[in-house]
């Protein structure tokens, strides 16, 4: 099982997370990871593409919204391990009148 992901950066529309390889993993074999998220309270999970990276950025999120994240590891034999404990993160608020993407 993977531990709780670590928050690296949060904006109004994105979250960057990292996570550690399972402590019992055989590092000579490739492990793939799947990061899933959903708005807090929703039933449906969204999945990021499987990756071998221990860091991912989720974009396209709504501002001032709580999201729940979990990560799972897929071992060389194709078997998925138990998901990490859930992590709730609130995206930042877009301040009124502040220009985030300015077009001139």
PDB file of N, CA and C in Angstrom:
ATOM      1  N   UNK A   1       0.845  -1.184   0.000  1.00  0.00           N
ATOM      2  CA  UNK A   1       0.000   0.000   0.000  1.00  0.00           C
ATOM      3  C   UNK A   1       0.887   1.242   0.000  1.00  0.00           C
ATOM      4  N   UNK A   2       0.412   2.251  -0.673  1.00  0.00           N
ATOM      5  CA  UNK A   2       1.114   3.524  -0.764  1.00  0.00           C
ATOM      6  C   UNK A   2       0.618   4.430   0.359  1.00  0.00           C
ATOM      7  N   UNK A   3       1.525   5.248   0.896  1.00  0.00           N
ATOM      8  CA  UNK A   3       1.126   6.207   1.923  1.00  0.00           C
ATOM      9  C   UNK A   3       0.353   7.367   1.332  1.00  0.00           C
ATOM     10  N   UNK A   4      -0.068   8.265   2.183  1.00  0.00           N
ATOM     11  CA  UNK A   4      -0.819   9.436   1.755  1.00  0.00           C
ATOM     12  C   UNK A   4       0.060  10.284   0.824  1.00  0.00           C
ATOM     13  N   UNK A   5      -0.476  10.729  -0.312  1.00  0.00           N
ATOM     14  CA  UNK A   5       0.301  11.603  -1.203  1.00  0.00           C
ATOM     15  C   UNK A   5       0.703  12.899  -0.485  1.00  0.00           C
ATOM     16  N   UNK A   6       1.766  13.518  -0.979  1.00  0.00           N
ATOM     17  CA  UNK A   6       2.266  14.774  -0.435  1.00  0.00           C
ATOM     18  C   UNK A   6       1.893  15.911  -1.385  1.00  0.00           C
ATOM     19  N   UNK A   7       1.365  16.988  -0.832  1.00  0.00           N
ATOM     20  CA  UNK A   7       1.003  18.155  -1.635  1.00  0.00           C
ATOM     21  C   UNK A   7       2.264  18.973  -1.905  1.00  0.00           C
ATOM     22  N   UNK A   8       2.553  19.214  -3.179  1.00  0.00           N
ATOM     23  CA  UNK A   8       3.701  20.029  -3.556  1.00  0.00           C
ATOM     24  C   UNK A   8       3.301  21.455  -3.903  1.00  0.00           C
ATOM     25  N   UNK A   9       2.140  21.608  -4.561  1.00  0.00           N
ATOM     26  CA  UNK A   9       1.711  22.943  -4.990  1.00  0.00           C
ATOM     27  C   UNK A   9       0.215  22.927  -5.271  1.00  0.00           C
ATOM     28  N   UNK A  10      -0.465  24.002  -4.897  1.00  0.00           N
ATOM     29  CA  UNK A  10      -1.906  24.152  -5.147  1.00  0.00           C
ATOM     30  C   UNK A  10      -2.151  25.531  -5.745  1.00  0.00           C
ATOM     31  N   UNK A  11      -2.937  25.589  -6.825  1.00  0.00           N
ATOM     32  CA  UNK A  11      -3.387  26.854  -7.391  1.00  0.00           C
ATOM     33  C   UNK A  11      -4.914  26.839  -7.406  1.00  0.00           C
ATOM     34  N   UNK A  12      -5.515  27.803  -8.074  1.00  0.00           N
ATOM     35  CA  UNK A  12      -6.979  27.834  -8.181  1.00  0.00           C
ATOM     36  C   UNK A  12      -7.503  26.774  -9.148  1.00  0.00           C
ATOM     37  N   UNK A  13      -6.618  26.211  -9.997  1.00  0.00           N
ATOM     38  CA  UNK A  13      -7.095  25.241 -10.992  1.00  0.00           C
ATOM     39  C   UNK A  13      -6.219  23.989 -11.107  1.00  0.00           C
ATOM     40  N   UNK A  14      -5.236  23.841 -10.210  1.00  0.00           N
ATOM     41  CA  UNK A  14      -4.369  22.665 -10.312  1.00  0.00           C
ATOM     42  C   UNK A  14      -3.823  22.256  -8.944  1.00  0.00           C
ATOM     43  N   UNK A  15      -3.434  20.988  -8.876  1.00  0.00           N
ATOM     44  CA  UNK A  15      -2.799  20.431  -7.680  1.00  0.00           C
ATOM     45  C   UNK A  15      -1.640  19.563  -8.140  1.00  0.00           C
ATOM     46  N   UNK A  16      -0.473  19.750  -7.527  1.00  0.00           N
ATOM     47  CA  UNK A  16       0.681  18.902  -7.808  1.00  0.00           C
ATOM     48  C   UNK A  16       0.950  18.043  -6.580  1.00  0.00           C
ATOM     49  N   UNK A  17       1.028  16.734  -6.815  1.00  0.00           N
ATOM     50  CA  UNK A  17       1.217  15.766  -5.732  1.00  0.00           C
ATOM     51  C   UNK A  17       2.424  14.879  -6.013  1.00  0.00           C
ATOM     52  N   UNK A  18       3.027  14.367  -4.953  1.00  0.00           N
ATOM     53  CA  UNK A  18       4.041  13.331  -5.093  1.00  0.00           C
ATOM     54  C   UNK A  18       3.673  12.208  -4.133  1.00  0.00           C
ATOM     55  N   UNK A  19       4.280  11.052  -4.339  1.00  0.00           N
ATOM     56  CA  UNK A  19       4.025   9.901  -3.480  1.00  0.00           C
ATOM     57  C   UNK A  19       5.243   9.007  -3.535  1.00  0.00           C
ATOM     58  N   UNK A  20       5.408   8.185  -2.518  1.00  0.00           N
ATOM     59  CA  UNK A  20       6.544   7.282  -2.431  1.00  0.00           C
ATOM     60  C   UNK A  20       6.168   5.908  -2.955  1.00  0.00           C
ATOM     61  N   UNK A  21       7.145   5.213  -3.527  1.00  0.00           N
ATOM     62  CA  UNK A  21       6.929   3.826  -3.942  1.00  0.00           C
ATOM     63  C   UNK A  21       6.612   3.012  -2.691  1.00  0.00           C
ATOM     64  N   UNK A  22       5.787   1.976  -2.822  1.00  0.00           N
ATOM     65  CA  UNK A  22       5.489   1.131  -1.657  1.00  0.00           C
ATOM     66  C   UNK A  22       6.795   0.612  -1.050  1.00  0.00           C
ATOM     67  N   UNK A  23       6.879   0.575   0.255  1.00  0.00           N
ATOM     68  CA  UNK A  23       8.125   0.201   0.934  1.00  0.00           C
ATOM     69  C   UNK A  23       8.570  -1.213   0.612  1.00  0.00           C
ATOM     70  N   UNK A  24       7.650  -2.093   0.276  1.00  0.00           N
ATOM     71  CA  UNK A  24       8.001  -3.493   0.002  1.00  0.00           C
ATOM     72  C   UNK A  24       8.199  -3.768  -1.482  1.00  0.00           C
ATOM     73  N   UNK A  25       8.174  -2.727  -2.301  1.00  0.00           N
ATOM     74  CA  UNK A  25       8.251  -2.951  -3.740  1.00  0.00           C
ATOM     75  C   UNK A  25       9.649  -3.393  -4.167  1.00  0.00           C
ATOM     76  N   UNK A  26       9.696  -4.178  -5.211  1.00  0.00           N
ATOM     77  CA  UNK A  26      10.946  -4.617  -5.826  1.00  0.00           C
ATOM     78  C   UNK A  26      11.306  -3.568  -6.863  1.00  0.00           C
ATOM     79  N   UNK A  27      12.261  -2.702  -6.539  1.00  0.00           N
ATOM     80  CA  UNK A  27      12.579  -1.570  -7.413  1.00  0.00           C
ATOM     81  C   UNK A  27      13.209  -1.993  -8.729  1.00  0.00           C
ATOM     82  N   UNK A  28      13.501  -3.293  -8.884  1.00  0.00           N
ATOM     83  CA  UNK A  28      14.033  -3.749 -10.169  1.00  0.00           C
ATOM     84  C   UNK A  28      12.916  -3.969 -11.178  1.00  0.00           C
ATOM     85  N   UNK A  29      11.689  -3.942 -10.723  1.00  0.00           N
ATOM     86  CA  UNK A  29      10.540  -4.129 -11.606  1.00  0.00           C
ATOM     87  C   UNK A  29       9.765  -2.823 -11.700  1.00  0.00           C
ATOM     88  N   UNK A  30       9.247  -2.558 -12.888  1.00  0.00           N
ATOM     89  CA  UNK A  30       8.507  -1.314 -13.096  1.00  0.00           C
ATOM     90  C   UNK A  30       7.169  -1.354 -12.389  1.00  0.00           C
ATOM     91  N   UNK A  31       6.866  -0.279 -11.700  1.00  0.00           N
ATOM     92  CA  UNK A  31       5.578  -0.109 -11.043  1.00  0.00           C
ATOM     93  C   UNK A  31       4.889   1.063 -11.721  1.00  0.00           C
ATOM     94  N   UNK A  32       3.619   0.913 -12.031  1.00  0.00           N
ATOM     95  CA  UNK A  32       2.833   2.014 -12.589  1.00  0.00           C
ATOM     96  C   UNK A  32       1.908   2.523 -11.496  1.00  0.00           C
ATOM     97  N   UNK A  33       1.618   3.809 -11.591  1.00  0.00           N
ATOM     98  CA  UNK A  33       0.770   4.456 -10.596  1.00  0.00           C
ATOM     99  C   UNK A  33      -0.440   5.082 -11.273  1.00  0.00           C
ATOM    100  N   UNK A  34      -1.551   5.072 -10.533  1.00  0.00           N
ATOM    101  CA  UNK A  34      -2.784   5.691 -11.027  1.00  0.00           C
ATOM    102  C   UNK A  34      -3.282   6.646  -9.943  1.00  0.00           C
ATOM    103  N   UNK A  35      -3.366   7.912 -10.301  1.00  0.00           N
ATOM    104  CA  UNK A  35      -3.889   8.929  -9.410  1.00  0.00           C
ATOM    105  C   UNK A  35      -5.346   9.161  -9.779  1.00  0.00           C
ATOM    106  N   UNK A  36      -6.215   9.089  -8.788  1.00  0.00           N
ATOM    107  CA  UNK A  36      -7.647   9.332  -9.003  1.00  0.00           C
ATOM    108  C   UNK A  36      -8.088  10.481  -8.110  1.00  0.00           C
ATOM    109  N   UNK A  37      -9.081  11.213  -8.577  1.00  0.00           N
ATOM    110  CA  UNK A  37      -9.585  12.351  -7.814  1.00  0.00           C
ATOM    111  C   UNK A  37     -11.058  12.561  -8.105  1.00  0.00           C
ATOM    112  N   UNK A  38     -11.698  13.272  -7.204  1.00  0.00           N
ATOM    113  CA  UNK A  38     -13.104  13.650  -7.381  1.00  0.00           C
ATOM    114  C   UNK A  38     -13.396  14.850  -6.498  1.00  0.00           C
ATOM    115  N   UNK A  39     -14.434  15.585  -6.873  1.00  0.00           N
ATOM    116  CA  UNK A  39     -14.888  16.659  -6.000  1.00  0.00           C
ATOM    117  C   UNK A  39     -15.385  16.012  -4.719  1.00  0.00           C
ATOM    118  N   UNK A  40     -15.088  16.651  -3.599  1.00  0.00           N
ATOM    119  CA  UNK A  40     -15.493  16.114  -2.302  1.00  0.00           C
ATOM    120  C   UNK A  40     -16.994  15.863  -2.297  1.00  0.00           C
ATOM    121  N   UNK A  41     -17.391  14.652  -1.946  1.00  0.00           N
ATOM    122  CA  UNK A  41     -18.801  14.294  -1.876  1.00  0.00           C
ATOM    123  C   UNK A  41     -19.352  13.660  -3.139  1.00  0.00           C
ATOM    124  N   UNK A  42     -18.648  13.795  -4.279  1.00  0.00           N
ATOM    125  CA  UNK A  42     -19.097  13.154  -5.514  1.00  0.00           C
ATOM    126  C   UNK A  42     -18.845  11.655  -5.439  1.00  0.00           C
ATOM    127  N   UNK A  43     -19.579  10.898  -6.233  1.00  0.00           N
ATOM    128  CA  UNK A  43     -19.415   9.450  -6.278  1.00  0.00           C
ATOM    129  C   UNK A  43     -18.432   9.002  -7.356  1.00  0.00           C
ATOM    130  N   UNK A  44     -18.321   9.780  -8.420  1.00  0.00           N
ATOM    131  CA  UNK A  44     -17.528   9.355  -9.578  1.00  0.00           C
ATOM    132  C   UNK A  44     -16.083   9.855  -9.497  1.00  0.00           C
ATOM    133  N   UNK A  45     -15.142   8.907  -9.629  1.00  0.00           N
ATOM    134  CA  UNK A  45     -13.714   9.231  -9.637  1.00  0.00           C
ATOM    135  C   UNK A  45     -13.251   9.520 -11.054  1.00  0.00           C
ATOM    136  N   UNK A  46     -12.336  10.479 -11.191  1.00  0.00           N
ATOM    137  CA  UNK A  46     -11.649  10.770 -12.447  1.00  0.00           C
ATOM    138  C   UNK A  46     -10.247  10.177 -12.318  1.00  0.00           C
ATOM    139  N   UNK A  47      -9.724   9.603 -13.396  1.00  0.00           N
ATOM    140  CA  UNK A  47      -8.399   8.975 -13.344  1.00  0.00           C
ATOM    141  C   UNK A  47      -7.415   9.703 -14.245  1.00  0.00           C
ATOM    142  N   UNK A  48      -6.235   9.922 -13.715  1.00  0.00           N
ATOM    143  CA  UNK A  48      -5.118  10.400 -14.524  1.00  0.00           C
ATOM    144  C   UNK A  48      -4.559   9.182 -15.265  1.00  0.00           C
ATOM    145  N   UNK A  49      -3.856   9.380 -16.380  1.00  0.00           N
ATOM    146  CA  UNK A  49      -3.251   8.242 -17.081  1.00  0.00           C
ATOM    147  C   UNK A  49      -2.235   7.529 -16.184  1.00  0.00           C
ATOM    148  N   UNK A  50      -2.136   6.208 -16.343  1.00  0.00           N
ATOM    149  CA  UNK A  50      -1.132   5.447 -15.596  1.00  0.00           C
ATOM    150  C   UNK A  50       0.255   5.977 -15.939  1.00  0.00           C
ATOM    151  N   UNK A  51       1.144   5.991 -14.959  1.00  0.00           N
ATOM    152  CA  UNK A  51       2.483   6.535 -15.153  1.00  0.00           C
ATOM    153  C   UNK A  51       3.479   5.816 -14.255  1.00  0.00           C
ATOM    154  N   UNK A  52       4.760   5.920 -14.584  1.00  0.00           N
ATOM    155  CA  UNK A  52       5.799   5.398 -13.696  1.00  0.00           C
ATOM    156  C   UNK A  52       6.355   6.520 -12.810  1.00  0.00           C
ATOM    157  N   UNK A  53       5.893   7.748 -13.031  1.00  0.00           N
ATOM    158  CA  UNK A  53       6.359   8.910 -12.275  1.00  0.00           C
ATOM    159  C   UNK A  53       5.805   8.895 -10.850  1.00  0.00           C
ATOM    160  N   UNK A  54       6.593   9.409  -9.918  1.00  0.00           N
ATOM    161  CA  UNK A  54       6.164   9.548  -8.525  1.00  0.00           C
ATOM    162  C   UNK A  54       5.659  10.960  -8.233  1.00  0.00           C
ATOM    163  N   UNK A  55       5.328  11.696  -9.299  1.00  0.00           N
ATOM    164  CA  UNK A  55       4.835  13.068  -9.178  1.00  0.00           C
ATOM    165  C   UNK A  55       3.852  13.317 -10.316  1.00  0.00           C
ATOM    166  N   UNK A  56       2.713  13.958  -9.979  1.00  0.00           N
ATOM    167  CA  UNK A  56       1.727  14.278 -11.019  1.00  0.00           C
ATOM    168  C   UNK A  56       1.089  15.626 -10.734  1.00  0.00           C
ATOM    169  N   UNK A  57       0.655  16.269 -11.815  1.00  0.00           N
ATOM    170  CA  UNK A  57      -0.076  17.533 -11.727  1.00  0.00           C
ATOM    171  C   UNK A  57      -1.459  17.317 -12.325  1.00  0.00           C
ATOM    172  N   UNK A  58      -2.479  17.629 -11.554  1.00  0.00           N
ATOM    173  CA  UNK A  58      -3.863  17.551 -12.022  1.00  0.00           C
ATOM    174  C   UNK A  58      -4.295  18.975 -12.345  1.00  0.00           C
ATOM    175  N   UNK A  59      -4.746  19.198 -13.578  1.00  0.00           N
ATOM    176  CA  UNK A  59      -5.166  20.533 -14.007  1.00  0.00           C
ATOM    177  C   UNK A  59      -6.655  20.530 -14.344  1.00  0.00           C
ATOM    178  N   UNK A  60      -7.182  21.707 -14.614  1.00  0.00           N
ATOM    179  CA  UNK A  60      -8.587  21.827 -15.001  1.00  0.00           C
ATOM    180  C   UNK A  60      -9.545  21.735 -13.834  1.00  0.00           C
ATOM    181  N   UNK A  61      -9.057  21.991 -12.630  1.00  0.00           N
ATOM    182  CA  UNK A  61      -9.907  21.929 -11.443  1.00  0.00           C
ATOM    183  C   UNK A  61     -10.635  23.250 -11.244  1.00  0.00           C
ATOM    184  N   UNK A  62     -11.706  23.212 -10.471  1.00  0.00           N
ATOM    185  CA  UNK A  62     -12.466  24.419 -10.141  1.00  0.00           C
ATOM    186  C   UNK A  62     -11.830  25.122  -8.948  1.00  0.00           C
ATOM    187  N   UNK A  63     -11.896  26.451  -8.951  1.00  0.00           N
ATOM    188  CA  UNK A  63     -11.340  27.183  -7.816  1.00  0.00           C
ATOM    189  C   UNK A  63     -12.219  27.020  -6.581  1.00  0.00           C
ATOM    190  N   UNK A  64     -11.605  27.215  -5.409  1.00  0.00           N
ATOM    191  CA  UNK A  64     -12.311  27.198  -4.125  1.00  0.00           C
ATOM    192  C   UNK A  64     -13.158  25.933  -3.939  1.00  0.00           C
ATOM    193  N   UNK A  65     -12.595  24.801  -4.339  1.00  0.00           N
ATOM    194  CA  UNK A  65     -13.317  23.531  -4.313  1.00  0.00           C
ATOM    195  C   UNK A  65     -12.454  22.468  -3.638  1.00  0.00           C
ATOM    196  N   UNK A  66     -13.080  21.639  -2.814  1.00  0.00           N
ATOM    197  CA  UNK A  66     -12.356  20.545  -2.163  1.00  0.00           C
ATOM    198  C   UNK A  66     -12.381  19.326  -3.076  1.00  0.00           C
ATOM    199  N   UNK A  67     -11.211  18.744  -3.285  1.00  0.00           N
ATOM    200  CA  UNK A  67     -11.055  17.513  -4.059  1.00  0.00           C
ATOM    201  C   UNK A  67     -10.448  16.438  -3.176  1.00  0.00           C
ATOM    202  N   UNK A  68     -10.843  15.199  -3.434  1.00  0.00           N
ATOM    203  CA  UNK A  68     -10.281  14.035  -2.742  1.00  0.00           C
ATOM    204  C   UNK A  68      -9.385  13.303  -3.718  1.00  0.00           C
ATOM    205  N   UNK A  69      -8.182  12.930  -3.260  1.00  0.00           N
ATOM    206  CA  UNK A  69      -7.193  12.249  -4.097  1.00  0.00           C
ATOM    207  C   UNK A  69      -6.789  10.924  -3.458  1.00  0.00           C
ATOM    208  N   UNK A  70      -6.561   9.906  -4.307  1.00  0.00           N
ATOM    209  CA  UNK A  70      -5.962   8.635  -3.894  1.00  0.00           C
ATOM    210  C   UNK A  70      -5.013   8.185  -5.001  1.00  0.00           C
ATOM    211  N   UNK A  71      -4.020   7.398  -4.634  1.00  0.00           N
ATOM    212  CA  UNK A  71      -3.099   6.845  -5.626  1.00  0.00           C
ATOM    213  C   UNK A  71      -2.969   5.345  -5.369  1.00  0.00           C
ATOM    214  N   UNK A  72      -2.870   4.576  -6.450  1.00  0.00           N
ATOM    215  CA  UNK A  72      -2.706   3.126  -6.374  1.00  0.00           C
ATOM    216  C   UNK A  72      -1.500   2.722  -7.206  1.00  0.00           C
ATOM    217  N   UNK A  73      -0.902   1.592  -6.840  1.00  0.00           N
ATOM    218  CA  UNK A  73       0.255   1.065  -7.577  1.00  0.00           C
ATOM    219  C   UNK A  73      -0.139  -0.221  -8.291  1.00  0.00           C
ATOM    220  N   UNK A  74       0.314  -0.345  -9.541  1.00  0.00           N
ATOM    221  CA  UNK A  74       0.109  -1.551 -10.341  1.00  0.00           C
ATOM    222  C   UNK A  74       1.465  -2.229 -10.492  1.00  0.00           C
ATOM    223  N   UNK A  75       1.562  -3.450 -10.011  1.00  0.00           N
ATOM    224  CA  UNK A  75       2.833  -4.160  -9.975  1.00  0.00           C
ATOM    225  C   UNK A  75       3.110  -4.873 -11.293  1.00  0.00           C
ATOM    226  N   UNK A  76       4.342  -5.347 -11.448  1.00  0.00           N
ATOM    227  CA  UNK A  76       4.797  -5.957 -12.701  1.00  0.00           C
ATOM    228  C   UNK A  76       3.857  -7.058 -13.178  1.00  0.00           C
ATOM    229  N   UNK A  77       3.242  -7.784 -12.281  1.00  0.00           N
ATOM    230  CA  UNK A  77       2.317  -8.849 -12.657  1.00  0.00           C
ATOM    231  C   UNK A  77       0.956  -8.357 -13.102  1.00  0.00           C
ATOM    232  N   UNK A  78       0.735  -7.039 -13.059  1.00  0.00           N
ATOM    233  CA  UNK A  78      -0.547  -6.476 -13.484  1.00  0.00           C
ATOM    234  C   UNK A  78      -1.555  -6.326 -12.376  1.00  0.00           C
ATOM    235  N   UNK A  79      -1.191  -6.652 -11.158  1.00  0.00           N
ATOM    236  CA  UNK A  79      -2.101  -6.587 -10.016  1.00  0.00           C
ATOM    237  C   UNK A  79      -2.056  -5.210  -9.363  1.00  0.00           C
ATOM    238  N   UNK A  80      -3.233  -4.642  -9.093  1.00  0.00           N
ATOM    239  CA  UNK A  80      -3.316  -3.350  -8.408  1.00  0.00           C
ATOM    240  C   UNK A  80      -3.261  -3.565  -6.907  1.00  0.00           C
ATOM    241  N   UNK A  81      -2.469  -2.753  -6.225  1.00  0.00           N
ATOM    242  CA  UNK A  81      -2.436  -2.771  -4.766  1.00  0.00           C
ATOM    243  C   UNK A  81      -3.568  -1.930  -4.203  1.00  0.00           C
ATOM    244  N   UNK A  82      -3.680  -1.935  -2.898  1.00  0.00           N
ATOM    245  CA  UNK A  82      -4.697  -1.120  -2.228  1.00  0.00           C
ATOM    246  C   UNK A  82      -4.401   0.357  -2.444  1.00  0.00           C
ATOM    247  N   UNK A  83      -5.441   1.169  -2.584  1.00  0.00           N
ATOM    248  CA  UNK A  83      -5.206   2.607  -2.762  1.00  0.00           C
ATOM    249  C   UNK A  83      -4.670   3.237  -1.476  1.00  0.00           C
ATOM    250  N   UNK A  84      -4.031   4.380  -1.646  1.00  0.00           N
ATOM    251  CA  UNK A  84      -3.540   5.142  -0.503  1.00  0.00           C
ATOM    252  C   UNK A  84      -4.720   5.641   0.328  1.00  0.00           C
ATOM    253  N   UNK A  85      -4.444   6.081   1.551  1.00  0.00           N
ATOM    254  CA  UNK A  85      -5.492   6.789   2.282  1.00  0.00           C
ATOM    255  C   UNK A  85      -5.903   8.033   1.481  1.00  0.00           C
ATOM    256  N   UNK A  86      -7.117   8.474   1.673  1.00  0.00           N
ATOM    257  CA  UNK A  86      -7.635   9.637   0.942  1.00  0.00           C
ATOM    258  C   UNK A  86      -7.025  10.932   1.467  1.00  0.00           C
ATOM    259  N   UNK A  87      -6.816  11.851   0.540  1.00  0.00           N
ATOM    260  CA  UNK A  87      -6.281  13.169   0.868  1.00  0.00           C
ATOM    261  C   UNK A  87      -7.226  14.212   0.308  1.00  0.00           C
ATOM    262  N   UNK A  88      -7.724  15.104   1.157  1.00  0.00           N
ATOM    263  CA  UNK A  88      -8.598  16.188   0.716  1.00  0.00           C
ATOM    264  C   UNK A  88      -7.786  17.471   0.591  1.00  0.00           C
ATOM    265  N   UNK A  89      -7.949  18.145  -0.544  1.00  0.00           N
ATOM    266  CA  UNK A  89      -7.237  19.396  -0.816  1.00  0.00           C
ATOM    267  C   UNK A  89      -8.238  20.406  -1.356  1.00  0.00           C
ATOM    268  N   UNK A  90      -8.155  21.637  -0.854  1.00  0.00           N
ATOM    269  CA  UNK A  90      -9.009  22.709  -1.363  1.00  0.00           C
ATOM    270  C   UNK A  90      -8.186  23.597  -2.290  1.00  0.00           C
ATOM    271  N   UNK A  91      -8.690  23.787  -3.521  1.00  0.00           N
ATOM    272  CA  UNK A  91      -8.013  24.686  -4.458  1.00  0.00           C
ATOM    273  C   UNK A  91      -8.174  26.127  -3.983  1.00  0.00           C
ATOM    274  N   UNK A  92      -7.290  26.976  -4.465  1.00  0.00           N
ATOM    275  CA  UNK A  92      -7.307  28.375  -4.042  1.00  0.00           C
ATOM    276  C   UNK A  92      -8.464  29.138  -4.681  1.00  0.00           C
ATOM    277  N   UNK A  93      -8.795  30.256  -4.062  1.00  0.00           N
ATOM    278  CA  UNK A  93      -9.866  31.134  -4.541  1.00  0.00           C
ATOM    279  C   UNK A  93      -9.287  32.095  -5.575  1.00  0.00           C
ATOM    280  N   UNK A  94     -10.026  32.317  -6.650  1.00  0.00           N
ATOM    281  CA  UNK A  94      -9.651  33.359  -7.603  1.00  0.00           C
ATOM    282  C   UNK A  94     -10.124  34.684  -7.021  1.00  0.00           C
ATOM    283  N   UNK A  95      -9.184  35.581  -6.814  1.00  0.00           N
ATOM    284  CA  UNK A  95      -9.529  36.877  -6.225  1.00  0.00           C
ATOM    285  C   UNK A  95     -10.213  37.763  -7.258  1.00  0.00           C
ATOM    286  N   UNK A  96     -11.351  38.378  -6.901  1.00  0.00           N
ATOM    287  CA  UNK A  96     -12.053  39.253  -7.844  1.00  0.00           C
ATOM    288  C   UNK A  96     -11.152  40.385  -8.325  1.00  0.00           C
ATOM    289  N   UNK A  97     -11.183  40.640  -9.613  1.00  0.00           N
ATOM    290  CA  UNK A  97     -10.418  41.730 -10.191  1.00  0.00           C
ATOM    291  C   UNK A  97      -8.964  41.408 -10.463  1.00  0.00           C
ATOM    292  N   UNK A  98      -8.478  40.269 -10.007  1.00  0.00           N
ATOM    293  CA  UNK A  98      -7.085  39.903 -10.253  1.00  0.00           C
ATOM    294  C   UNK A  98      -6.983  39.177 -11.587  1.00  0.00           C
ATOM    295  N   UNK A  99      -6.001  39.561 -12.386  1.00  0.00           N
ATOM    296  CA  UNK A  99      -5.828  38.984 -13.714  1.00  0.00           C
ATOM    297  C   UNK A  99      -4.923  37.751 -13.621  1.00  0.00           C
ATOM    298  N   UNK A 100      -5.458  36.581 -13.917  1.00  0.00           N
ATOM    299  CA  UNK A 100      -4.686  35.346 -13.899  1.00  0.00           C
ATOM    300  C   UNK A 100      -4.173  34.988 -15.288  1.00  0.00           C
ATOM    301  N   UNK A 101      -4.994  35.217 -16.290  1.00  0.00           N
ATOM    302  CA  UNK A 101      -4.568  35.030 -17.680  1.00  0.00           C
ATOM    303  C   UNK A 101      -4.945  36.328 -18.392  1.00  0.00           C
ATOM    304  N   UNK A 102      -3.976  37.160 -18.614  1.00  0.00           N
ATOM    305  CA  UNK A 102      -4.242  38.467 -19.195  1.00  0.00           C
ATOM    306  C   UNK A 102      -3.949  38.448 -20.692  1.00  0.00           C
ATOM    307  N   UNK A 103      -4.900  38.942 -21.458  1.00  0.00           N
ATOM    308  CA  UNK A 103      -4.728  39.074 -22.909  1.00  0.00           C
ATOM    309  C   UNK A 103      -4.690  40.555 -23.218  1.00  0.00           C
ATOM    310  N   UNK A 104      -3.655  40.955 -23.932  1.00  0.00           N
ATOM    311  CA  UNK A 104      -3.536  42.380 -24.260  1.00  0.00           C
ATOM    312  C   UNK A 104      -3.665  42.582 -25.726  1.00  0.00           C
TER     313      UNK A 104
END
